[in-house]
C-alpha atoms as a PDB file:
ATOM      1  CA  MET A   1      15.789 -29.588   6.293  1.00  0.00           C
ATOM      2  CA  ASP A   2      18.670 -30.056   3.868  1.00  0.00           C
ATOM      3  CA  GLY A   3      19.025 -33.662   2.735  1.00  0.00           C
ATOM      4  CA  ILE A   4      15.539 -34.722   3.869  1.00  0.00           C
ATOM      5  CA  ARG A   5      13.055 -34.346   1.034  1.00  0.00           C
ATOM      6  CA  PRO A   6       9.303 -35.002   0.963  1.00  0.00           C
ATOM      7  CA  ARG A   7       8.376 -38.419  -0.393  1.00  0.00           C
ATOM      8  CA  TRP A   8       5.179 -40.325  -1.226  1.00  0.00           C
ATOM      9  CA  TRP A   9       4.035 -38.272  -4.169  1.00  0.00           C
ATOM     10  CA  SER A  10       3.693 -38.675  -7.910  1.00  0.00           C
ATOM     11  CA  ALA A  11       3.238 -36.367 -10.890  1.00  0.00           C
ATOM     12  CA  VAL A  12      -0.207 -36.502 -12.524  1.00  0.00           C
ATOM     13  CA  PRO A  13      -0.922 -35.076 -16.014  1.00  0.00           C
ATOM     14  CA  CYS A  14      -3.851 -32.663 -15.845  1.00  0.00           C
ATOM     15  CA  GLY A  15      -4.270 -31.402 -19.393  1.00  0.00           C
ATOM     16  CA  ALA A  16      -2.660 -28.793 -21.656  1.00  0.00           C
ATOM     17  CA  GLY A  17       0.757 -30.137 -20.741  1.00  0.00           C
ATOM     18  CA  ASP A  18       0.356 -29.235 -17.072  1.00  0.00           C
ATOM     19  CA  ILE A  19       1.013 -31.577 -14.181  1.00  0.00           C
ATOM     20  CA  ALA A  20      -0.272 -31.771 -10.630  1.00  0.00           C
ATOM     21  CA  ALA A  21       1.107 -33.661  -7.644  1.00  0.00           C
ATOM     22  CA  ARG A  22      -0.708 -36.546  -5.998  1.00  0.00           C
ATOM     23  CA  CYS A  23       0.376 -36.594  -2.345  1.00  0.00           C
ATOM     24  CA  GLY A  24       0.480 -40.036  -0.731  1.00  0.00           C
ATOM     25  CA  LEU A  25       1.335 -38.995   2.826  1.00  0.00           C
ATOM     26  CA  CYS A  26      -2.075 -39.357   4.427  1.00  0.00           C
ATOM     27  CA  PHE A  27      -5.611 -40.496   3.703  1.00  0.00           C
ATOM     28  CA  HIS A  28      -6.492 -37.216   1.964  1.00  0.00           C
ATOM     29  CA  ALA A  29      -4.400 -38.217  -1.075  1.00  0.00           C
ATOM     30  CA  CYS A  30      -4.514 -34.568  -2.167  1.00  0.00           C
ATOM     31  CA  LEU A  31      -4.223 -33.693  -5.836  1.00  0.00           C
ATOM     32  CA  ILE A  32      -2.205 -30.476  -5.659  1.00  0.00           C
ATOM     33  CA  PRO A  33      -2.129 -28.196  -8.718  1.00  0.00           C
ATOM     34  CA  SER A  34       0.965 -26.204  -9.553  1.00  0.00           C
ATOM     35  CA  GLY A  35       1.146 -23.286  -7.154  1.00  0.00           C
ATOM     36  CA  GLY A  36      -1.151 -24.975  -4.651  1.00  0.00           C
ATOM     37  CA  SER A  37      -0.874 -26.762  -1.331  1.00  0.00           C
ATOM     38  CA  GLY A  38      -2.490 -29.808   0.244  1.00  0.00           C
ATOM     39  CA  TYR A  39      -5.259 -29.990   2.845  1.00  0.00           C
ATOM     40  CA  CYS A  40      -2.648 -29.790   5.616  1.00  0.00           C
ATOM     41  CA  GLY A  41      -1.008 -26.648   4.257  1.00  0.00           C
ATOM     42  CA  ALA A  42       2.415 -28.207   4.758  1.00  0.00           C
ATOM     43  CA  ARG A  43       2.883 -29.843   1.330  1.00  0.00           C
ATOM     44  CA  ARG A  44       3.202 -27.667  -1.788  1.00  0.00           C
ATOM     45  CA  PHE A  45       3.747 -28.131  -5.493  1.00  0.00           C
ATOM     46  CA  SER A  46       5.257 -25.468  -7.720  1.00  0.00           C
ATOM     47  CA  GLY A  47       7.172 -25.548 -10.989  1.00  0.00           C
ATOM     48  CA  GLY A  48       7.278 -29.330 -10.981  1.00  0.00           C
ATOM     49  CA  VAL A  49       8.814 -29.372  -7.493  1.00  0.00           C
ATOM     50  CA  PHE A  50       7.025 -31.043  -4.582  1.00  0.00           C
ATOM     51  CA  GLU A  51       8.124 -29.475  -1.320  1.00  0.00           C
ATOM     52  CA  SER A  52       7.460 -29.245   2.380  1.00  0.00           C
ATOM     53  CA  PRO A  53       9.204 -26.051   3.573  1.00  0.00           C
ATOM     54  CA  LEU A  54       8.767 -26.808   7.272  1.00  0.00           C
ATOM     55  CA  LEU A  55      10.035 -30.390   7.102  1.00  0.00           C
ATOM     56  CA  GLY A  56      12.602 -30.842   9.870  1.00  0.00           C
ATOM     57  CA  LYS A  57      11.669 -27.529  11.475  1.00  0.00           C
ATOM     58  CA  PHE A  58      10.088 -27.268  14.892  1.00  0.00           C
ATOM     59  CA  VAL A  59       8.533 -24.553  16.998  1.00  0.00           C
ATOM     60  CA  SER A  60       8.011 -26.312  20.355  1.00  0.00           C
ATOM     61  CA  LEU A  61      10.608 -28.152  22.425  1.00  0.00           C
ATOM     62  CA  ALA A  62      10.037 -29.285  26.015  1.00  0.00           C
ATOM     63  CA  VAL A  63      10.777 -32.019  28.519  1.00  0.00           C
ATOM     64  CA  ASP A  64       7.607 -33.804  29.665  1.00  0.00           C
ATOM     65  CA  PRO A  65       6.706 -36.768  31.845  1.00  0.00           C
ATOM     66  CA  ILE A  66       5.912 -39.546  29.406  1.00  0.00           C
ATOM     67  CA  GLU A  67       2.524 -39.885  31.079  1.00  0.00           C
ATOM     68  CA  LYS A  68       1.612 -36.461  29.674  1.00  0.00           C
ATOM     69  CA  LYS A  69       1.590 -37.819  26.094  1.00  0.00           C
ATOM     70  CA  PRO A  70      -0.417 -39.771  27.445  1.00  0.00           C
ATOM     71  CA  ILE A  71       1.594 -43.005  27.463  1.00  0.00           C
ATOM     72  CA  TYR A  72       1.360 -44.901  30.754  1.00  0.00           C
ATOM     73  CA  HIS A  73       2.625 -48.381  29.961  1.00  0.00           C
ATOM     74  CA  TRP A  74       5.876 -47.789  28.072  1.00  0.00           C
ATOM     75  CA  ARG A  75       8.831 -46.606  30.174  1.00  0.00           C
ATOM     76  CA  PRO A  76       6.542 -45.279  32.931  1.00  0.00           C
ATOM     77  CA  GLY A  77       8.007 -42.705  35.282  1.00  0.00           C
ATOM     78  CA  THR A  78      10.516 -41.398  32.730  1.00  0.00           C
ATOM     79  CA  LYS A  79      10.858 -38.013  31.047  1.00  0.00           C
ATOM     80  CA  ILE A  80      10.747 -37.533  27.283  1.00  0.00           C
ATOM     81  CA  LEU A  81      11.928 -34.782  24.939  1.00  0.00           C
ATOM     82  CA  SER A  82       8.831 -33.468  23.141  1.00  0.00           C
ATOM     83  CA  LEU A  83       8.922 -31.479  19.929  1.00  0.00           C
ATOM     84  CA  GLY A  84       6.309 -30.177  17.539  1.00  0.00           C
ATOM     85  CA  GLY A  85       5.997 -28.067  14.438  1.00  0.00           C
ATOM     86  CA  PHE A  86       3.276 -26.403  12.407  1.00  0.00           C
ATOM     87  CA  HIS A  87       0.141 -27.640  10.613  1.00  0.00           C
ATOM     88  CA  CYS A  88      -2.230 -30.601  10.797  1.00  0.00           C
ATOM     89  CA  ASN A  89      -4.200 -32.829   8.422  1.00  0.00           C
ATOM     90  CA  MET A  90      -7.398 -32.476  10.453  1.00  0.00           C
ATOM     91  CA  SER A  91      -9.579 -29.457  11.268  1.00  0.00           C
ATOM     92  CA  CYS A  92     -10.966 -30.125  14.736  1.00  0.00           C
ATOM     93  CA  PRO A  93     -12.822 -26.995  15.930  1.00  0.00           C
ATOM     94  CA  PHE A  94     -11.884 -27.794  19.549  1.00  0.00           C
ATOM     95  CA  CYS A  95      -8.122 -28.091  18.916  1.00  0.00           C
ATOM     96  CA  GLN A  96      -6.090 -27.297  22.037  1.00  0.00           C
ATOM     97  CA  ASN A  97      -2.979 -26.569  19.948  1.00  0.00           C
ATOM     98  CA  HIS A  98      -4.651 -24.558  17.187  1.00  0.00           C
ATOM     99  CA  ALA A  99      -1.972 -21.827  17.248  1.00  0.00           C
ATOM    100  CA  ILE A 100       0.541 -24.263  15.755  1.00  0.00           C
ATOM    101  CA  ALA A 101      -1.849 -26.716  14.091  1.00  0.00           C
ATOM    102  CA  HIS A 102      -3.477 -23.952  12.050  1.00  0.00           C
ATOM    103  CA  PRO A 103      -0.931 -21.110  11.959  1.00  0.00           C
ATOM    104  CA  SER A 104      -1.124 -17.981   9.869  1.00  0.00           C
ATOM    105  CA  GLY A 105       2.515 -18.609   8.897  1.00  0.00           C
ATOM    106  CA  GLY A 106       5.610 -20.613   9.771  1.00  0.00           C
ATOM    107  CA  VAL A 107       7.463 -17.844  11.558  1.00  0.00           C
ATOM    108  CA  GLY A 108       9.627 -19.057  14.411  1.00  0.00           C
ATOM    109  CA  ALA A 109      10.157 -22.637  13.286  1.00  0.00           C
ATOM    110  CA  LYS A 110      13.797 -23.672  13.525  1.00  0.00           C
ATOM    111  CA  GLY A 111      15.616 -26.470  11.749  1.00  0.00           C
ATOM    112  CA  LEU A 112      16.948 -29.291  13.904  1.00  0.00           C
ATOM    113  CA  SER A 113      19.079 -31.975  12.298  1.00  0.00           C
ATOM    114  CA  PRO A 114      18.761 -35.575  13.532  1.00  0.00           C
ATOM    115  CA  GLU A 115      22.262 -35.284  14.975  1.00  0.00           C
ATOM    116  CA  GLU A 116      21.341 -32.089  16.845  1.00  0.00           C
ATOM    117  CA  LEU A 117      18.183 -33.740  18.140  1.00  0.00           C
ATOM    118  CA  ALA A 118      20.203 -36.688  19.464  1.00  0.00           C
ATOM    119  CA  GLU A 119      22.734 -34.347  21.088  1.00  0.00           C
ATOM    120  CA  THR A 120      19.933 -32.339  22.729  1.00  0.00           C
ATOM    121  CA  ALA A 121      18.262 -35.443  24.170  1.00  0.00           C
ATOM    122  CA  LEU A 122      21.570 -36.824  25.468  1.00  0.00           C
ATOM    123  CA  SER A 123      22.538 -33.490  27.034  1.00  0.00           C
ATOM    124  CA  LEU A 124      19.278 -33.626  29.001  1.00  0.00           C
ATOM    125  CA  GLY A 125      19.838 -37.243  30.047  1.00  0.00           C
ATOM    126  CA  LEU A 126      16.816 -38.464  28.087  1.00  0.00           C
ATOM    127  CA  SER A 127      16.422 -41.756  26.228  1.00  0.00           C
ATOM    128  CA  SER A 128      13.309 -41.027  24.176  1.00  0.00           C
ATOM    129  CA  VAL A 129      11.936 -38.339  21.864  1.00  0.00           C
ATOM    130  CA  ALA A 130       8.252 -37.644  21.158  1.00  0.00           C
ATOM    131  CA  TYR A 131       6.904 -35.976  18.027  1.00  0.00           C
ATOM    132  CA  THR A 132       3.782 -34.319  19.392  1.00  0.00           C
ATOM    133  CA  TYR A 133       1.815 -31.058  19.895  1.00  0.00           C
ATOM    134  CA  ASN A 134       0.909 -30.788  16.191  1.00  0.00           C
ATOM    135  CA  GLU A 135       0.344 -33.742  13.838  1.00  0.00           C
ATOM    136  CA  PRO A 136       3.694 -35.572  13.439  1.00  0.00           C
ATOM    137  CA  THR A 137       2.606 -37.337  10.246  1.00  0.00           C
ATOM    138  CA  LEU A 138       3.713 -34.139   8.493  1.00  0.00           C
ATOM    139  CA  GLN A 139       7.258 -34.866   9.718  1.00  0.00           C
ATOM    140  CA  ALA A 140       7.221 -38.522   8.609  1.00  0.00           C
ATOM    141  CA  GLU A 141      10.307 -38.235   6.388  1.00  0.00           C
ATOM    142  CA  TYR A 142      12.231 -36.568   9.200  1.00  0.00           C
ATOM    143  CA  ILE A 143      11.083 -39.132  11.791  1.00  0.00           C
ATOM    144  CA  ILE A 144      12.177 -42.014   9.576  1.00  0.00           C
ATOM    145  CA  SER A 145      15.525 -40.363   8.777  1.00  0.00           C
ATOM    146  CA  ALA A 146      16.219 -39.405  12.392  1.00  0.00           C
ATOM    147  CA  ALA A 147      15.250 -42.746  13.942  1.00  0.00           C
ATOM    148  CA  PRO A 148      18.485 -44.626  13.090  1.00  0.00           C
ATOM    149  CA  VAL A 149      20.596 -41.702  14.366  1.00  0.00           C
ATOM    150  CA  LEU A 150      18.604 -41.617  17.583  1.00  0.00           C
ATOM    151  CA  ARG A 151      18.652 -45.393  17.931  1.00  0.00           C
ATOM    152  CA  ASP A 152      22.453 -45.475  17.618  1.00  0.00           C
ATOM    153  CA  ALA A 153      22.549 -42.988  20.502  1.00  0.00           C
ATOM    154  CA  GLY A 154      20.224 -45.154  22.603  1.00  0.00           C
ATOM    155  CA  ILE A 155      17.201 -42.923  22.039  1.00  0.00           C
ATOM    156  CA  ALA A 156      13.762 -44.268  21.107  1.00  0.00           C
ATOM    157  CA  SER A 157      11.243 -42.501  18.863  1.00  0.00           C
ATOM    158  CA  VAL A 158       7.630 -41.904  19.937  1.00  0.00           C
ATOM    159  CA  MET A 159       4.656 -40.333  18.144  1.00  0.00           C
ATOM    160  CA  VAL A 160       1.431 -38.774  19.401  1.00  0.00           C
ATOM    161  CA  THR A 161      -0.734 -38.869  16.307  1.00  0.00           C
ATOM    162  CA  ASN A 162      -4.225 -38.900  14.819  1.00  0.00           C
ATOM    163  CA  GLY A 163      -3.226 -42.011  12.872  1.00  0.00           C
ATOM    164  CA  LEU A 164      -4.405 -40.739   9.487  1.00  0.00           C
ATOM    165  CA  PHE A 165      -1.223 -41.587   7.586  1.00  0.00           C
ATOM    166  CA  SER A 166      -1.386 -43.708   4.442  1.00  0.00           C
ATOM    167  CA  MET A 167      -0.763 -47.454   4.570  1.00  0.00           C
ATOM    168  CA  GLU A 168       2.683 -47.042   2.997  1.00  0.00           C
ATOM    169  CA  VAL A 169       3.693 -44.410   5.542  1.00  0.00           C
ATOM    170  CA  CYS A 170       2.276 -46.522   8.374  1.00  0.00           C
ATOM    171  CA  ALA A 171       4.447 -49.488   7.387  1.00  0.00           C
ATOM    172  CA  GLU A 172       7.625 -47.385   7.371  1.00  0.00           C
ATOM    173  CA  LEU A 173       6.837 -45.606  10.620  1.00  0.00           C
ATOM    174  CA  ALA A 174       6.127 -48.940  12.312  1.00  0.00           C
ATOM    175  CA  ALA A 175       9.692 -50.025  11.540  1.00  0.00           C
ATOM    176  CA  HIS A 176      11.185 -46.976  13.267  1.00  0.00           C
ATOM    177  CA  VAL A 177       8.843 -45.823  16.035  1.00  0.00           C
ATOM    178  CA  ALA A 178       8.805 -47.692  19.349  1.00  0.00           C
ATOM    179  CA  ALA A 179       5.582 -46.333  20.798  1.00  0.00           C
ATOM    180  CA  MET A 180       2.565 -44.322  19.656  1.00  0.00           C
ATOM    181  CA  ASN A 181      -0.473 -42.765  21.224  1.00  0.00           C
ATOM    182  CA  VAL A 182      -3.189 -42.655  18.584  1.00  0.00           C
ATOM    183  CA  ASP A 183      -6.099 -40.280  19.110  1.00  0.00           C
ATOM    184  CA  VAL A 184      -9.281 -42.010  17.962  1.00  0.00           C
ATOM    185  CA  LYS A 185     -11.513 -38.950  17.668  1.00  0.00           C
ATOM    186  CA  THR A 186     -14.880 -40.702  17.487  1.00  0.00           C
ATOM    187  CA  PHE A 187     -16.351 -44.008  16.387  1.00  0.00           C
ATOM    188  CA  ASP A 188     -18.895 -42.406  14.078  1.00  0.00           C
ATOM    189  CA  GLY A 189     -17.806 -42.144  10.456  1.00  0.00           C
ATOM    190  CA  ASN A 190     -19.868 -39.031   9.708  1.00  0.00           C
ATOM    191  CA  SER A 191     -18.460 -37.158  12.700  1.00  0.00           C
ATOM    192  CA  TYR A 192     -14.951 -38.197  11.667  1.00  0.00           C
ATOM    193  CA  SER A 193     -15.536 -36.811   8.185  1.00  0.00           C
ATOM    194  CA  ARG A 194     -16.597 -33.465   9.619  1.00  0.00           C
ATOM    195  CA  LEU A 195     -13.319 -33.299  11.586  1.00  0.00           C
ATOM    196  CA  ALA A 196     -10.969 -34.691   8.965  1.00  0.00           C
ATOM    197  CA  GLY A 197     -12.589 -33.949   5.642  1.00  0.00           C
ATOM    198  CA  SER A 198     -12.609 -36.660   2.998  1.00  0.00           C
ATOM    199  CA  SER A 199     -10.127 -38.302   0.698  1.00  0.00           C
ATOM    200  CA  SER A 200      -9.770 -36.437  -2.576  1.00  0.00           C
ATOM    201  CA  GLU A 201      -9.492 -39.816  -4.280  1.00  0.00           C
ATOM    202  CA  GLY A 202     -12.825 -40.988  -2.947  1.00  0.00           C
ATOM    203  CA  GLY A 203     -10.981 -43.614  -0.932  1.00  0.00           C
ATOM    204  CA  PRO A 204     -11.777 -45.048   2.522  1.00  0.00           C
ATOM    205  CA  ASP A 205     -13.249 -42.788   5.175  1.00  0.00           C
ATOM    206  CA  ALA A 206     -11.101 -41.399   7.983  1.00  0.00           C
ATOM    207  CA  LEU A 207     -12.380 -43.763  10.678  1.00  0.00           C
ATOM    208  CA  SER A 208     -11.591 -46.834   8.561  1.00  0.00           C
ATOM    209  CA  VAL A 209      -8.066 -45.551   7.931  1.00  0.00           C
ATOM    210  CA  VAL A 210      -7.409 -44.978  11.634  1.00  0.00           C
ATOM    211  CA  MET A 211      -8.749 -48.412  12.530  1.00  0.00           C
ATOM    212  CA  GLU A 212      -6.639 -50.159   9.894  1.00  0.00           C
ATOM    213  CA  ASN A 213      -3.511 -48.273  10.920  1.00  0.00           C
ATOM    214  CA  VAL A 214      -3.982 -49.063  14.615  1.00  0.00           C
ATOM    215  CA  GLU A 215      -4.403 -52.732  13.784  1.00  0.00           C
ATOM    216  CA  SER A 216      -1.285 -52.677  11.567  1.00  0.00           C
ATOM    217  CA  LEU A 217       0.819 -50.919  14.209  1.00  0.00           C
ATOM    218  CA  CYS A 218      -0.163 -53.448  16.863  1.00  0.00           C
ATOM    219  CA  LEU A 219       0.577 -56.335  14.513  1.00  0.00           C
ATOM    220  CA  ALA A 220       4.006 -54.817  13.772  1.00  0.00           C
ATOM    221  CA  GLY A 221       4.883 -54.783  17.475  1.00  0.00           C
ATOM    222  CA  VAL A 222       4.653 -51.037  18.101  1.00  0.00           C
ATOM    223  CA  HIS A 223       3.539 -50.193  21.635  1.00  0.00           C
ATOM    224  CA  VAL A 224       0.149 -48.553  21.057  1.00  0.00           C
ATOM    225  CA  GLU A 225      -2.033 -46.608  23.477  1.00  0.00           C
ATOM    226  CA  LEU A 226      -5.269 -44.951  22.415  1.00  0.00           C
ATOM    227  CA  THR A 227      -6.945 -41.710  23.441  1.00  0.00           C
ATOM    228  CA  ASN A 228     -10.596 -40.807  23.007  1.00  0.00           C
ATOM    229  CA  LEU A 229     -11.515 -37.191  23.734  1.00  0.00           C
ATOM    230  CA  VAL A 230     -15.156 -37.131  24.785  1.00  0.00           C
ATOM    231  CA  VAL A 231     -16.599 -34.031  23.096  1.00  0.00           C
ATOM    232  CA  PRO A 232     -20.265 -32.986  23.472  1.00  0.00           C
ATOM    233  CA  GLY A 233     -21.993 -33.241  20.124  1.00  0.00           C
ATOM    234  CA  VAL A 234     -19.102 -35.157  18.558  1.00  0.00           C
ATOM    235  CA  SER A 235     -18.127 -38.242  20.548  1.00  0.00           C
ATOM    236  CA  GLU A 236     -20.586 -38.529  23.427  1.00  0.00           C
ATOM    237  CA  SER A 237     -22.659 -41.413  22.027  1.00  0.00           C
ATOM    238  CA  GLU A 238     -22.533 -44.317  24.461  1.00  0.00           C
ATOM    239  CA  ALA A 239     -23.389 -46.771  21.669  1.00  0.00           C
ATOM    240  CA  ASP A 240     -20.491 -45.502  19.535  1.00  0.00           C
ATOM    241  CA  PHE A 241     -18.157 -45.643  22.507  1.00  0.00           C
ATOM    242  CA  ALA A 242     -19.164 -49.229  23.255  1.00  0.00           C
ATOM    243  CA  GLY A 243     -18.490 -50.098  19.624  1.00  0.00           C
ATOM    244  CA  MET A 244     -15.017 -48.575  19.862  1.00  0.00           C
ATOM    245  CA  VAL A 245     -14.261 -50.540  23.034  1.00  0.00           C
ATOM    246  CA  ALA A 246     -15.376 -53.783  21.371  1.00  0.00           C
ATOM    247  CA  TRP A 247     -13.105 -53.043  18.403  1.00  0.00           C
ATOM    248  CA  ILE A 248     -10.116 -52.363  20.682  1.00  0.00           C
ATOM    249  CA  ALA A 249     -10.752 -55.522  22.697  1.00  0.00           C
ATOM    250  CA  GLY A 250     -10.919 -57.476  19.454  1.00  0.00           C
ATOM    251  CA  ILE A 251      -7.314 -56.456  18.765  1.00  0.00           C
ATOM    252  CA  SER A 252      -6.125 -56.926  22.358  1.00  0.00           C
ATOM    253  CA  HIS A 253      -7.734 -56.316  25.722  1.00  0.00           C
ATOM    254  CA  GLU A 254      -4.329 -55.052  26.909  1.00  0.00           C
ATOM    255  CA  ILE A 255      -4.294 -51.927  24.701  1.00  0.00           C
ATOM    256  CA  PRO A 256      -4.476 -48.985  27.130  1.00  0.00           C
ATOM    257  CA  LEU A 257      -7.357 -46.569  26.549  1.00  0.00           C
ATOM    258  CA  HIS A 258      -7.223 -42.977  27.793  1.00  0.00           C
ATOM    259  CA  ILE A 259     -10.670 -41.393  28.060  1.00  0.00           C
ATOM    260  CA  SER A 260     -10.040 -37.655  28.058  1.00  0.00           C
ATOM    261  CA  ARG A 261     -12.332 -34.830  29.106  1.00  0.00           C
ATOM    262  CA  TYR A 262     -12.962 -32.009  26.646  1.00  0.00           C
ATOM    263  CA  PHE A 263     -12.800 -28.324  27.621  1.00  0.00           C
ATOM    264  CA  PRO A 264     -13.888 -25.383  25.420  1.00  0.00           C
ATOM    265  CA  ALA A 265     -11.144 -24.264  23.024  1.00  0.00           C
ATOM    266  CA  TYR A 266     -10.533 -22.635  19.637  1.00  0.00           C
ATOM    267  CA  ARG A 267     -13.890 -22.385  17.827  1.00  0.00           C
ATOM    268  CA  TYR A 268     -15.877 -24.844  19.981  1.00  0.00           C
ATOM    269  CA  MET A 269     -17.540 -23.462  23.092  1.00  0.00           C
ATOM    270  CA  ALA A 270     -19.785 -26.306  24.271  1.00  0.00           C
ATOM    271  CA  PRO A 271     -19.547 -26.864  28.044  1.00  0.00           C
ATOM    272  CA  ALA A 272     -16.878 -29.213  29.359  1.00  0.00           C
ATOM    273  CA  THR A 273     -17.751 -32.923  29.228  1.00  0.00           C
ATOM    274  CA  ASP A 274     -20.059 -34.109  31.970  1.00  0.00           C
ATOM    275  CA  ILE A 275     -18.122 -36.037  34.626  1.00  0.00           C
ATOM    276  CA  GLY A 276     -20.972 -38.520  34.956  1.00  0.00           C
ATOM    277  CA  LEU A 277     -20.648 -39.417  31.280  1.00  0.00           C
ATOM    278  CA  MET A 278     -16.905 -39.878  31.701  1.00  0.00           C
ATOM    279  CA  LYS A 279     -17.523 -42.298  34.584  1.00  0.00           C
ATOM    280  CA  ARG A 280     -20.076 -44.254  32.552  1.00  0.00           C
ATOM    281  CA  PHE A 281     -17.632 -44.552  29.666  1.00  0.00           C
ATOM    282  CA  GLU A 282     -14.954 -45.733  32.072  1.00  0.00           C
ATOM    283  CA  SER A 283     -17.291 -48.414  33.393  1.00  0.00           C
ATOM    284  CA  VAL A 284     -18.102 -49.617  29.860  1.00  0.00           C
ATOM    285  CA  ALA A 285     -14.421 -49.770  28.915  1.00  0.00           C
ATOM    286  CA  ARG A 286     -13.343 -51.628  32.053  1.00  0.00           C
ATOM    287  CA  LYS A 287     -15.644 -54.528  31.204  1.00  0.00           C
ATOM    288  CA  LYS A 288     -13.486 -55.395  28.186  1.00  0.00           C
ATOM    289  CA  LEU A 289     -10.138 -53.621  28.566  1.00  0.00           C
ATOM    290  CA  LYS A 290      -7.427 -54.196  31.159  1.00  0.00           C
ATOM    291  CA  PHE A 291      -6.033 -50.646  31.243  1.00  0.00           C
ATOM    292  CA  VAL A 292      -8.464 -47.704  31.279  1.00  0.00           C
ATOM    293  CA  HIS A 293      -7.482 -44.210  32.393  1.00  0.00           C
ATOM    294  CA  LEU A 294      -9.525 -41.029  32.779  1.00  0.00           C
ATOM    295  CA  GLY A 295      -7.762 -37.845  31.683  1.00  0.00           C
ATOM    296  CA  ASN A 296      -8.348 -34.130  32.416  1.00  0.00           C
ATOM    297  CA  VAL A 297     -10.565 -35.086  35.354  1.00  0.00           C
ATOM    298  CA  TRP A 298      -9.877 -33.391  38.669  1.00  0.00           C
END
């Protein structure tokens, strides 16, 4: 997108007069050599230029009930303009949106200026926009640039995210985004590492980053709802789930928790989550949290 450039990076000498780029967008903190790309595949470095070719370009655009995000306690009963692009900074083998999260290319993505986005939302009679479907952290510069344009038009910004952005990015997003649903994948650090990889800087693990960002967003006044997808072999530990609930309650017992049922997808073919386990998790959560919702259960 012309005029919106990737930020949060620095040049790093790497010997023989060469330089690499240290990306500061998310917890991976990728060190990208010239001609290479980051873990997400969306950030590249070549000839001393740090770029994100798909920044401000989107492949999915739809009008959804806000409850589909899922966000139940912020403007309930309204519709929201949802848009998503390509790539992700995680590698979940059960990804429901793998066709855009892990594409073979960026064919079909179209640029949408903040002004065009505002005009589209207004033409549909909508007062909020959600960055969703793929990981919106990869559109952070666009989200921050578009937010004032949208706000002036009476349109709020929303994100559905894995919450793995860096602390610096978190602080800026918190100033511009009204509501977020953060997907807490699991409450086991080792399982999180298998899904997200590790920081190339040897920094904090993925779970710690998500926890810190959720706490920061709540403190900043962003409306936060959390989702936990219960996946066999990944996030079905009742002890881990109880630990997650205790952590959430320690922030606020009024943070809504969406407990979502897994179904086979992408490269993960374990049977769908047992309904009995979902009910037990719901019972555990309701002892400490005011708003608990089961998802994908019918």
